[in-house]
PDB file of N, CA and C in Angstrom:
ATOM      1  N   MET A   1     127.730  44.559 125.153  1.00  0.00           N
ATOM      2  CA  MET A   1     127.678  45.464 124.020  1.00  0.00           C
ATOM      3  C   MET A   1     129.018  46.159 123.847  1.00  0.00           C
ATOM      4  N   ALA A   2     129.334  46.386 122.645  1.00  0.00           N
ATOM      5  CA  ALA A   2     130.585  47.075 122.341  1.00  0.00           C
ATOM      6  C   ALA A   2     130.329  48.575 122.245  1.00  0.00           C
ATOM      7  N   ASP A   3     131.373  49.346 122.450  1.00  0.00           N
ATOM      8  CA  ASP A   3     131.256  50.799 122.356  1.00  0.00           C
ATOM      9  C   ASP A   3     130.962  51.262 120.931  1.00  0.00           C
ATOM     10  N   ASP A   4     131.173  50.408 119.957  1.00  0.00           N
ATOM     11  CA  ASP A   4     130.941  50.775 118.561  1.00  0.00           C
ATOM     12  C   ASP A   4     129.456  50.938 118.249  1.00  0.00           C
ATOM     13  N   ASP A   5     128.570  50.382 119.078  1.00  0.00           N
ATOM     14  CA  ASP A   5     127.139  50.436 118.809  1.00  0.00           C
ATOM     15  C   ASP A   5     126.511  51.762 119.238  1.00  0.00           C
ATOM     16  N   ILE A   6     127.240  52.576 119.971  1.00  0.00           N
ATOM     17  CA  ILE A   6     126.692  53.841 120.464  1.00  0.00           C
ATOM     18  C   ILE A   6     126.874  54.913 119.389  1.00  0.00           C
ATOM     19  N   THR A   7     125.790  55.579 119.078  1.00  0.00           N
ATOM     20  CA  THR A   7     125.842  56.642 118.085  1.00  0.00           C
ATOM     21  C   THR A   7     126.337  57.917 118.759  1.00  0.00           C
ATOM     22  N   PRO A   8     127.341  58.558 118.209  1.00  0.00           N
ATOM     23  CA  PRO A   8     127.848  59.792 118.837  1.00  0.00           C
ATOM     24  C   PRO A   8     126.829  60.925 118.675  1.00  0.00           C
ATOM     25  N   ALA A   9     126.905  61.861 119.601  1.00  0.00           N
ATOM     26  CA  ALA A   9     126.029  63.026 119.545  1.00  0.00           C
ATOM     27  C   ALA A   9     126.393  63.871 118.330  1.00  0.00           C
ATOM     28  N   PRO A  10     125.407  64.472 117.701  1.00  0.00           N
ATOM     29  CA  PRO A  10     125.729  65.307 116.526  1.00  0.00           C
ATOM     30  C   PRO A  10     126.560  66.515 116.938  1.00  0.00           C
ATOM     31  N   ALA A  11     127.435  66.916 116.055  1.00  0.00           N
ATOM     32  CA  ALA A  11     128.288  68.078 116.319  1.00  0.00           C
ATOM     33  C   ALA A  11     127.455  69.346 116.271  1.00  0.00           C
ATOM     34  N   TYR A  12     127.820  70.323 117.076  1.00  0.00           N
ATOM     35  CA  TYR A  12     127.125  71.603 117.093  1.00  0.00           C
ATOM     36  C   TYR A  12     127.366  72.315 115.773  1.00  0.00           C
ATOM     37  N   ASP A  13     126.305  72.809 115.207  1.00  0.00           N
ATOM     38  CA  ASP A  13     126.407  73.497 113.931  1.00  0.00           C
ATOM     39  C   ASP A  13     125.661  74.819 114.036  1.00  0.00           C
ATOM     40  N   GLU A  14     126.340  75.925 113.800  1.00  0.00           N
ATOM     41  CA  GLU A  14     125.709  77.244 113.912  1.00  0.00           C
ATOM     42  C   GLU A  14     124.607  77.439 112.888  1.00  0.00           C
ATOM     43  N   ALA A  15     124.659  76.714 111.798  1.00  0.00           N
ATOM     44  CA  ALA A  15     123.648  76.880 110.763  1.00  0.00           C
ATOM     45  C   ALA A  15     122.284  76.348 111.195  1.00  0.00           C
ATOM     46  N   THR A  16     122.238  75.552 112.260  1.00  0.00           N
ATOM     47  CA  THR A  16     120.958  75.004 112.708  1.00  0.00           C
ATOM     48  C   THR A  16     120.435  75.690 113.959  1.00  0.00           C
ATOM     49  N   THR A  17     121.058  76.796 114.371  1.00  0.00           N
ATOM     50  CA  THR A  17     120.539  77.538 115.516  1.00  0.00           C
ATOM     51  C   THR A  17     119.236  78.210 115.116  1.00  0.00           C
ATOM     52  N   PRO A  18     118.348  78.480 116.074  1.00  0.00           N
ATOM     53  CA  PRO A  18     117.067  79.113 115.718  1.00  0.00           C
ATOM     54  C   PRO A  18     117.232  80.437 114.981  1.00  0.00           C
ATOM     55  N   ALA A  19     118.253  81.215 115.343  1.00  0.00           N
ATOM     56  CA  ALA A  19     118.459  82.498 114.670  1.00  0.00           C
ATOM     57  C   ALA A  19     118.840  82.288 113.207  1.00  0.00           C
ATOM     58  N   ALA A  20     119.674  81.285 112.942  1.00  0.00           N
ATOM     59  CA  ALA A  20     120.099  81.019 111.574  1.00  0.00           C
ATOM     60  C   ALA A  20     118.948  80.456 110.744  1.00  0.00           C
ATOM     61  N   VAL A  21     118.141  79.612 111.359  1.00  0.00           N
ATOM     62  CA  VAL A  21     117.008  79.044 110.646  1.00  0.00           C
ATOM     63  C   VAL A  21     115.999  80.139 110.298  1.00  0.00           C
ATOM     64  N   ALA A  22     115.835  81.123 111.189  1.00  0.00           N
ATOM     65  CA  ALA A  22     114.893  82.211 110.952  1.00  0.00           C
ATOM     66  C   ALA A  22     115.440  83.228 109.952  1.00  0.00           C
ATOM     67  N   GLY A  23     116.686  83.105 109.569  1.00  0.00           N
ATOM     68  CA  GLY A  23     117.257  84.019 108.598  1.00  0.00           C
ATOM     69  C   GLY A  23     117.961  85.211 109.214  1.00  0.00           C
ATOM     70  N   ALA A  24     118.108  85.230 110.526  1.00  0.00           N
ATOM     71  CA  ALA A  24     118.730  86.375 111.179  1.00  0.00           C
ATOM     72  C   ALA A  24     120.239  86.236 111.263  1.00  0.00           C
ATOM     73  N   GLY A  25     120.780  85.127 110.854  1.00  0.00           N
ATOM     74  CA  GLY A  25     122.213  84.906 110.968  1.00  0.00           C
ATOM     75  C   GLY A  25     122.539  84.329 112.319  1.00  0.00           C
ATOM     76  N   PRO A  26     123.699  83.754 112.472  1.00  0.00           N
ATOM     77  CA  PRO A  26     124.042  83.112 113.738  1.00  0.00           C
ATOM     78  C   PRO A  26     124.183  84.122 114.872  1.00  0.00           C
ATOM     79  N   LEU A  27     123.388  83.957 115.876  1.00  0.00           N
ATOM     80  CA  LEU A  27     123.436  84.748 117.098  1.00  0.00           C
ATOM     81  C   LEU A  27     123.378  86.255 116.838  1.00  0.00           C
ATOM     82  N   ALA A  28     122.574  86.661 115.868  1.00  0.00           N
ATOM     83  CA  ALA A  28     122.426  88.080 115.561  1.00  0.00           C
ATOM     84  C   ALA A  28     121.576  88.747 116.631  1.00  0.00           C
ATOM     85  N   GLU A  29     122.025  89.908 117.054  1.00  0.00           N
ATOM     86  CA  GLU A  29     121.292  90.649 118.076  1.00  0.00           C
ATOM     87  C   GLU A  29     121.075  92.067 117.578  1.00  0.00           C
ATOM     88  N   ARG A  30     119.820  92.527 117.666  1.00  0.00           N
ATOM     89  CA  ARG A  30     119.503  93.871 117.205  1.00  0.00           C
ATOM     90  C   ARG A  30     119.496  94.818 118.395  1.00  0.00           C
ATOM     91  N   LYS A  31     120.026  96.008 118.169  1.00  0.00           N
ATOM     92  CA  LYS A  31     120.148  97.013 119.212  1.00  0.00           C
ATOM     93  C   LYS A  31     118.940  97.941 119.176  1.00  0.00           C
ATOM     94  N   LYS A  32     118.434  98.308 120.356  1.00  0.00           N
ATOM     95  CA  LYS A  32     117.309  99.248 120.441  1.00  0.00           C
ATOM     96  C   LYS A  32     117.788 100.652 120.070  1.00  0.00           C
ATOM     97  N   SER A  33     116.954 101.359 119.368  1.00  0.00           N
ATOM     98  CA  SER A  33     117.271 102.732 118.974  1.00  0.00           C
ATOM     99  C   SER A  33     117.116 103.658 120.177  1.00  0.00           C
ATOM    100  N   GLY A  34     118.134 104.440 120.446  1.00  0.00           N
ATOM    101  CA  GLY A  34     118.082 105.402 121.544  1.00  0.00           C
ATOM    102  C   GLY A  34     117.058 106.496 121.293  1.00  0.00           C
ATOM    103  N   LYS A  35     116.889 106.868 120.029  1.00  0.00           N
ATOM    104  CA  LYS A  35     115.897 107.883 119.697  1.00  0.00           C
ATOM    105  C   LYS A  35     114.484 107.368 119.955  1.00  0.00           C
ATOM    106  N   ALA A  36     114.262 106.086 119.698  1.00  0.00           N
ATOM    107  CA  ALA A  36     112.940 105.498 119.945  1.00  0.00           C
ATOM    108  C   ALA A  36     112.631 105.481 121.436  1.00  0.00           C
ATOM    109  N   ILE A  37     113.614 105.120 122.230  1.00  0.00           N
ATOM    110  CA  ILE A  37     113.424 105.107 123.687  1.00  0.00           C
ATOM    111  C   ILE A  37     113.190 106.529 124.190  1.00  0.00           C
ATOM    112  N   GLY A  38     113.976 107.486 123.708  1.00  0.00           N
ATOM    113  CA  GLY A  38     113.799 108.883 124.097  1.00  0.00           C
ATOM    114  C   GLY A  38     112.442 109.420 123.695  1.00  0.00           C
ATOM    115  N   SER A  39     111.965 109.015 122.531  1.00  0.00           N
ATOM    116  CA  SER A  39     110.648 109.443 122.065  1.00  0.00           C
ATOM    117  C   SER A  39     109.555 108.950 123.002  1.00  0.00           C
ATOM    118  N   LEU A  40     109.640 107.689 123.387  1.00  0.00           N
ATOM    119  CA  LEU A  40     108.622 107.135 124.285  1.00  0.00           C
ATOM    120  C   LEU A  40     108.662 107.804 125.655  1.00  0.00           C
ATOM    121  N   VAL A  41     109.847 108.034 126.182  1.00  0.00           N
ATOM    122  CA  VAL A  41     109.979 108.690 127.492  1.00  0.00           C
ATOM    123  C   VAL A  41     109.407 110.105 127.436  1.00  0.00           C
ATOM    124  N   CYS A  42     109.760 110.861 126.397  1.00  0.00           N
ATOM    125  CA  CYS A  42     109.225 112.225 126.262  1.00  0.00           C
ATOM    126  C   CYS A  42     107.714 112.207 126.083  1.00  0.00           C
ATOM    127  N   GLY A  43     107.212 111.243 125.339  1.00  0.00           N
ATOM    128  CA  GLY A  43     105.772 111.144 125.136  1.00  0.00           C
ATOM    129  C   GLY A  43     105.023 110.857 126.418  1.00  0.00           C
ATOM    130  N   ILE A  44     105.539 109.959 127.227  1.00  0.00           N
ATOM    131  CA  ILE A  44     104.885 109.633 128.506  1.00  0.00           C
ATOM    132  C   ILE A  44     104.921 110.842 129.437  1.00  0.00           C
ATOM    133  N   ILE A  45     106.059 111.501 129.509  1.00  0.00           N
ATOM    134  CA  ILE A  45     106.163 112.676 130.384  1.00  0.00           C
ATOM    135  C   ILE A  45     105.236 113.789 129.890  1.00  0.00           C
ATOM    136  N   SER A  46     105.098 113.936 128.582  1.00  0.00           N
ATOM    137  CA  SER A  46     104.191 114.970 128.062  1.00  0.00           C
ATOM    138  C   SER A  46     102.747 114.670 128.432  1.00  0.00           C
ATOM    139  N   LEU A  47     102.389 113.406 128.532  1.00  0.00           N
ATOM    140  CA  LEU A  47     101.040 113.041 128.978  1.00  0.00           C
ATOM    141  C   LEU A  47     100.842 113.374 130.454  1.00  0.00           C
ATOM    142  N   LEU A  48     101.850 113.094 131.242  1.00  0.00           N
ATOM    143  CA  LEU A  48     101.725 113.298 132.687  1.00  0.00           C
ATOM    144  C   LEU A  48     101.753 114.770 133.075  1.00  0.00           C
ATOM    145  N   LEU A  49     102.529 115.567 132.355  1.00  0.00           N
ATOM    146  CA  LEU A  49     102.697 116.973 132.716  1.00  0.00           C
ATOM    147  C   LEU A  49     102.006 117.930 131.749  1.00  0.00           C
ATOM    148  N   PHE A  50     101.234 117.407 130.811  1.00  0.00           N
ATOM    149  CA  PHE A  50     100.552 118.222 129.808  1.00  0.00           C
ATOM    150  C   PHE A  50     101.537 119.159 129.107  1.00  0.00           C
ATOM    151  N   GLY A  51     102.596 118.614 128.567  1.00  0.00           N
ATOM    152  CA  GLY A  51     103.644 119.432 127.974  1.00  0.00           C
ATOM    153  C   GLY A  51     103.605 119.469 126.469  1.00  0.00           C
ATOM    154  N   ILE A  52     103.431 120.672 125.938  1.00  0.00           N
ATOM    155  CA  ILE A  52     103.429 120.829 124.478  1.00  0.00           C
ATOM    156  C   ILE A  52     104.828 120.581 123.922  1.00  0.00           C
ATOM    157  N   ILE A  53     105.814 121.162 124.574  1.00  0.00           N
ATOM    158  CA  ILE A  53     107.188 121.059 124.060  1.00  0.00           C
ATOM    159  C   ILE A  53     107.665 119.612 124.055  1.00  0.00           C
ATOM    160  N   LEU A  54     107.464 118.902 125.163  1.00  0.00           N
ATOM    161  CA  LEU A  54     107.892 117.499 125.204  1.00  0.00           C
ATOM    162  C   LEU A  54     107.096 116.637 124.231  1.00  0.00           C
ATOM    163  N   GLY A  55     105.842 116.985 124.005  1.00  0.00           N
ATOM    164  CA  GLY A  55     105.040 116.250 123.032  1.00  0.00           C
ATOM    165  C   GLY A  55     105.590 116.394 121.626  1.00  0.00           C
ATOM    166  N   VAL A  56     105.965 117.607 121.276  1.00  0.00           N
ATOM    167  CA  VAL A  56     106.543 117.853 119.950  1.00  0.00           C
ATOM    168  C   VAL A  56     107.895 117.154 119.824  1.00  0.00           C
ATOM    169  N   VAL A  57     108.696 117.208 120.886  1.00  0.00           N
ATOM    170  CA  VAL A  57     109.993 116.524 120.878  1.00  0.00           C
ATOM    171  C   VAL A  57     109.789 115.018 120.689  1.00  0.00           C
ATOM    172  N   ALA A  58     108.792 114.451 121.361  1.00  0.00           N
ATOM    173  CA  ALA A  58     108.512 113.022 121.238  1.00  0.00           C
ATOM    174  C   ALA A  58     108.132 112.655 119.805  1.00  0.00           C
ATOM    175  N   VAL A  59     107.308 113.472 119.181  1.00  0.00           N
ATOM    176  CA  VAL A  59     106.893 113.195 117.801  1.00  0.00           C
ATOM    177  C   VAL A  59     108.091 113.288 116.852  1.00  0.00           C
ATOM    178  N   VAL A  60     108.895 114.318 117.002  1.00  0.00           N
ATOM    179  CA  VAL A  60     110.060 114.490 116.119  1.00  0.00           C
ATOM    180  C   VAL A  60     111.052 113.342 116.308  1.00  0.00           C
ATOM    181  N   LEU A  61     111.356 113.005 117.560  1.00  0.00           N
ATOM    182  CA  LEU A  61     112.286 111.892 117.818  1.00  0.00           C
ATOM    183  C   LEU A  61     111.728 110.575 117.284  1.00  0.00           C
ATOM    184  N   GLY A  62     110.433 110.373 117.440  1.00  0.00           N
ATOM    185  CA  GLY A  62     109.814 109.137 116.960  1.00  0.00           C
ATOM    186  C   GLY A  62     109.905 108.992 115.454  1.00  0.00           C
ATOM    187  N   VAL A  63     109.660 110.074 114.735  1.00  0.00           N
ATOM    188  CA  VAL A  63     109.763 110.034 113.275  1.00  0.00           C
ATOM    189  C   VAL A  63     111.214 109.794 112.850  1.00  0.00           C
ATOM    190  N   MET A  64     112.135 110.477 113.509  1.00  0.00           N
ATOM    191  CA  MET A  64     113.560 110.273 113.195  1.00  0.00           C
ATOM    192  C   MET A  64     113.979 108.832 113.474  1.00  0.00           C
ATOM    193  N   ALA A  65     113.501 108.276 114.591  1.00  0.00           N
ATOM    194  CA  ALA A  65     113.856 106.902 114.956  1.00  0.00           C
ATOM    195  C   ALA A  65     113.295 105.909 113.949  1.00  0.00           C
ATOM    196  N   ARG A  66     112.052 106.093 113.533  1.00  0.00           N
ATOM    197  CA  ARG A  66     111.456 105.159 112.565  1.00  0.00           C
ATOM    198  C   ARG A  66     112.213 105.190 111.238  1.00  0.00           C
ATOM    199  N   ASN A  67     112.626 106.372 110.793  1.00  0.00           N
ATOM    200  CA  ASN A  67     113.414 106.466 109.558  1.00  0.00           C
ATOM    201  C   ASN A  67     114.774 105.793 109.718  1.00  0.00           C
ATOM    202  N   GLU A  68     115.390 105.988 110.875  1.00  0.00           N
ATOM    203  CA  GLU A  68     116.690 105.379 111.149  1.00  0.00           C
ATOM    204  C   GLU A  68     116.585 103.850 111.212  1.00  0.00           C
ATOM    205  N   ILE A  69     115.505 103.355 111.811  1.00  0.00           N
ATOM    206  CA  ILE A  69     115.303 101.905 111.936  1.00  0.00           C
ATOM    207  C   ILE A  69     115.056 101.272 110.568  1.00  0.00           C
ATOM    208  N   LYS A  70     114.322 101.957 109.703  1.00  0.00           N
ATOM    209  CA  LYS A  70     114.087 101.440 108.351  1.00  0.00           C
ATOM    210  C   LYS A  70     115.380 101.370 107.557  1.00  0.00           C
ATOM    211  N   ALA A  71     116.277 102.324 107.773  1.00  0.00           N
ATOM    212  CA  ALA A  71     117.529 102.380 107.020  1.00  0.00           C
ATOM    213  C   ALA A  71     118.582 101.409 107.546  1.00  0.00           C
ATOM    214  N   ASN A  72     118.517 101.055 108.824  1.00  0.00           N
ATOM    215  CA  ASN A  72     119.541 100.204 109.439  1.00  0.00           C
ATOM    216  C   ASN A  72     118.904  98.914 109.946  1.00  0.00           C
ATOM    217  N   PRO A  73     119.183  97.775 109.317  1.00  0.00           N
ATOM    218  CA  PRO A  73     118.555  96.515 109.743  1.00  0.00           C
ATOM    219  C   PRO A  73     119.039  96.009 111.102  1.00  0.00           C
ATOM    220  N   ASN A  74     120.095  96.588 111.651  1.00  0.00           N
ATOM    221  CA  ASN A  74     120.586  96.158 112.959  1.00  0.00           C
ATOM    222  C   ASN A  74     119.897  96.870 114.116  1.00  0.00           C
ATOM    223  N   LEU A  75     119.016  97.819 113.818  1.00  0.00           N
ATOM    224  CA  LEU A  75     118.311  98.554 114.864  1.00  0.00           C
ATOM    225  C   LEU A  75     116.896  98.011 115.036  1.00  0.00           C
ATOM    226  N   ASP A  76     116.450  98.065 116.278  1.00  0.00           N
ATOM    227  CA  ASP A  76     115.107  97.618 116.626  1.00  0.00           C
ATOM    228  C   ASP A  76     114.441  98.735 117.423  1.00  0.00           C
ATOM    229  N   GLY A  77     113.132  98.689 117.550  1.00  0.00           N
ATOM    230  CA  GLY A  77     112.435  99.670 118.366  1.00  0.00           C
ATOM    231  C   GLY A  77     111.387 100.457 117.614  1.00  0.00           C
ATOM    232  N   ASP A  78     110.924  99.921 116.490  1.00  0.00           N
ATOM    233  CA  ASP A  78     109.916 100.629 115.708  1.00  0.00           C
ATOM    234  C   ASP A  78     108.637 100.826 116.511  1.00  0.00           C
ATOM    235  N   GLY A  79     108.258  99.839 117.300  1.00  0.00           N
ATOM    236  CA  GLY A  79     107.063  99.961 118.140  1.00  0.00           C
ATOM    237  C   GLY A  79     107.222 101.012 119.220  1.00  0.00           C
ATOM    238  N   LEU A  80     108.417 101.102 119.782  1.00  0.00           N
ATOM    239  CA  LEU A  80     108.681 102.142 120.784  1.00  0.00           C
ATOM    240  C   LEU A  80     108.563 103.529 120.163  1.00  0.00           C
ATOM    241  N   ALA A  81     109.106 103.670 118.957  1.00  0.00           N
ATOM    242  CA  ALA A  81     109.035 104.961 118.271  1.00  0.00           C
ATOM    243  C   ALA A  81     107.589 105.329 117.951  1.00  0.00           C
ATOM    244  N   LEU A  82     106.807 104.351 117.502  1.00  0.00           N
ATOM    245  CA  LEU A  82     105.406 104.615 117.197  1.00  0.00           C
ATOM    246  C   LEU A  82     104.631 104.992 118.457  1.00  0.00           C
ATOM    247  N   ALA A  83     104.905 104.295 119.550  1.00  0.00           N
ATOM    248  CA  ALA A  83     104.249 104.635 120.818  1.00  0.00           C
ATOM    249  C   ALA A  83     104.652 106.031 121.278  1.00  0.00           C
ATOM    250  N   GLY A  84     105.901 106.421 121.060  1.00  0.00           N
ATOM    251  CA  GLY A  84     106.353 107.774 121.394  1.00  0.00           C
ATOM    252  C   GLY A  84     105.653 108.834 120.564  1.00  0.00           C
ATOM    253  N   ILE A  85     105.458 108.545 119.282  1.00  0.00           N
ATOM    254  CA  ILE A  85     104.746 109.491 118.415  1.00  0.00           C
ATOM    255  C   ILE A  85     103.304 109.654 118.896  1.00  0.00           C
ATOM    256  N   ILE A  86     102.661 108.548 119.210  1.00  0.00           N
ATOM    257  CA  ILE A  86     101.257 108.605 119.628  1.00  0.00           C
ATOM    258  C   ILE A  86     101.098 109.316 120.963  1.00  0.00           C
ATOM    259  N   THR A  87     101.906 108.929 121.957  1.00  0.00           N
ATOM    260  CA  THR A  87     101.773 109.565 123.275  1.00  0.00           C
ATOM    261  C   THR A  87     102.181 111.035 123.224  1.00  0.00           C
ATOM    262  N   GLY A  88     103.191 111.353 122.431  1.00  0.00           N
ATOM    263  CA  GLY A  88     103.607 112.749 122.298  1.00  0.00           C
ATOM    264  C   GLY A  88     102.538 113.601 121.637  1.00  0.00           C
ATOM    265  N   ALA A  89     101.913 113.066 120.600  1.00  0.00           N
ATOM    266  CA  ALA A  89     100.850 113.823 119.921  1.00  0.00           C
ATOM    267  C   ALA A  89      99.652 114.020 120.854  1.00  0.00           C
ATOM    268  N   ILE A  90      99.274 112.982 121.577  1.00  0.00           N
ATOM    269  CA  ILE A  90      98.151 113.107 122.514  1.00  0.00           C
ATOM    270  C   ILE A  90      98.489 114.119 123.608  1.00  0.00           C
ATOM    271  N   GLY A  91      99.712 114.054 124.153  1.00  0.00           N
ATOM    272  CA  GLY A  91     100.118 114.991 125.200  1.00  0.00           C
ATOM    273  C   GLY A  91     100.124 116.428 124.720  1.00  0.00           C
ATOM    274  N   ALA A  92     100.622 116.656 123.513  1.00  0.00           N
ATOM    275  CA  ALA A  92     100.677 118.021 122.977  1.00  0.00           C
ATOM    276  C   ALA A  92      99.272 118.552 122.682  1.00  0.00           C
ATOM    277  N   VAL A  93      98.431 117.728 122.087  1.00  0.00           N
ATOM    278  CA  VAL A  93      97.066 118.172 121.774  1.00  0.00           C
ATOM    279  C   VAL A  93      96.283 118.414 123.057  1.00  0.00           C
ATOM    280  N   LEU A  94      96.444 117.527 124.032  1.00  0.00           N
ATOM    281  CA  LEU A  94      95.744 117.699 125.303  1.00  0.00           C
ATOM    282  C   LEU A  94      96.176 119.000 125.994  1.00  0.00           C
ATOM    283  N   ALA A  95      97.463 119.287 125.977  1.00  0.00           N
ATOM    284  CA  ALA A  95      97.957 120.528 126.582  1.00  0.00           C
ATOM    285  C   ALA A  95      97.409 121.742 125.844  1.00  0.00           C
ATOM    286  N   LEU A  96      97.371 121.660 124.528  1.00  0.00           N
ATOM    287  CA  LEU A  96      96.842 122.767 123.737  1.00  0.00           C
ATOM    288  C   LEU A  96      95.353 122.992 124.027  1.00  0.00           C
ATOM    289  N   VAL A  97      94.597 121.924 124.144  1.00  0.00           N
ATOM    290  CA  VAL A  97      93.165 122.033 124.461  1.00  0.00           C
ATOM    291  C   VAL A  97      92.971 122.657 125.839  1.00  0.00           C
ATOM    292  N   LEU A  98      93.783 122.239 126.792  1.00  0.00           N
ATOM    293  CA  LEU A  98      93.668 122.809 128.140  1.00  0.00           C
ATOM    294  C   LEU A  98      94.041 124.287 128.161  1.00  0.00           C
ATOM    295  N   ILE A  99      95.020 124.670 127.368  1.00  0.00           N
ATOM    296  CA  ILE A  99      95.403 126.084 127.290  1.00  0.00           C
ATOM    297  C   ILE A  99      94.274 126.904 126.661  1.00  0.00           C
ATOM    298  N   ILE A 100      93.712 126.373 125.585  1.00  0.00           N
ATOM    299  CA  ILE A 100      92.627 127.088 124.905  1.00  0.00           C
ATOM    300  C   ILE A 100      91.396 127.182 125.819  1.00  0.00           C
ATOM    301  N   ALA A 101      91.148 126.133 126.586  1.00  0.00           N
ATOM    302  CA  ALA A 101      90.001 126.142 127.497  1.00  0.00           C
ATOM    303  C   ALA A 101      90.233 127.037 128.695  1.00  0.00           C
ATOM    304  N   GLY A 102      91.447 127.481 128.906  1.00  0.00           N
ATOM    305  CA  GLY A 102      91.738 128.384 130.007  1.00  0.00           C
ATOM    306  C   GLY A 102      92.090 127.691 131.298  1.00  0.00           C
ATOM    307  N   VAL A 103      92.360 126.410 131.221  1.00  0.00           N
ATOM    308  CA  VAL A 103      92.763 125.667 132.419  1.00  0.00           C
ATOM    309  C   VAL A 103      94.274 125.706 132.468  1.00  0.00           C
ATOM    310  N   GLY A 104      94.813 126.630 133.242  1.00  0.00           N
ATOM    311  CA  GLY A 104      96.261 126.770 133.336  1.00  0.00           C
ATOM    312  C   GLY A 104      96.806 125.975 134.515  1.00  0.00           C
ATOM    313  N   MET A 105      97.944 125.365 134.282  1.00  0.00           N
ATOM    314  CA  MET A 105      98.604 124.644 135.375  1.00  0.00           C
ATOM    315  C   MET A 105      99.816 125.444 135.793  1.00  0.00           C
ATOM    316  N   THR A 106      99.899 125.741 137.064  1.00  0.00           N
ATOM    317  CA  THR A 106     101.034 126.486 137.554  1.00  0.00           C
ATOM    318  C   THR A 106     101.873 125.585 138.450  1.00  0.00           C
ATOM    319  N   PHE A 107     103.135 125.545 138.142  1.00  0.00           N
ATOM    320  CA  PHE A 107     104.061 124.733 138.952  1.00  0.00           C
ATOM    321  C   PHE A 107     105.099 125.641 139.551  1.00  0.00           C
TER     322      PHE A 107
END
């Protein structure tokens, strides 16, 4: 057989990468929102320590992060921000209920 019968491998083309096919552009990477991560961390801590202040901070950061993510297509973390809002609200309400019920935590 002659070498002419061998078909060469196709050339690499960035337009056929999975990211490009999905419409994200070649090798596009989205950055996580720091506010979304902070919201989730504050929300979890507010659940563990029954903290009203951290719960409110988590909700505020989560709302700010979701607005920022909607405005900037290069940011990711909408689910983290939503989880921060939910955990922060639960932590703040739980702390408020415990305060109203008279169950004080002293540290």
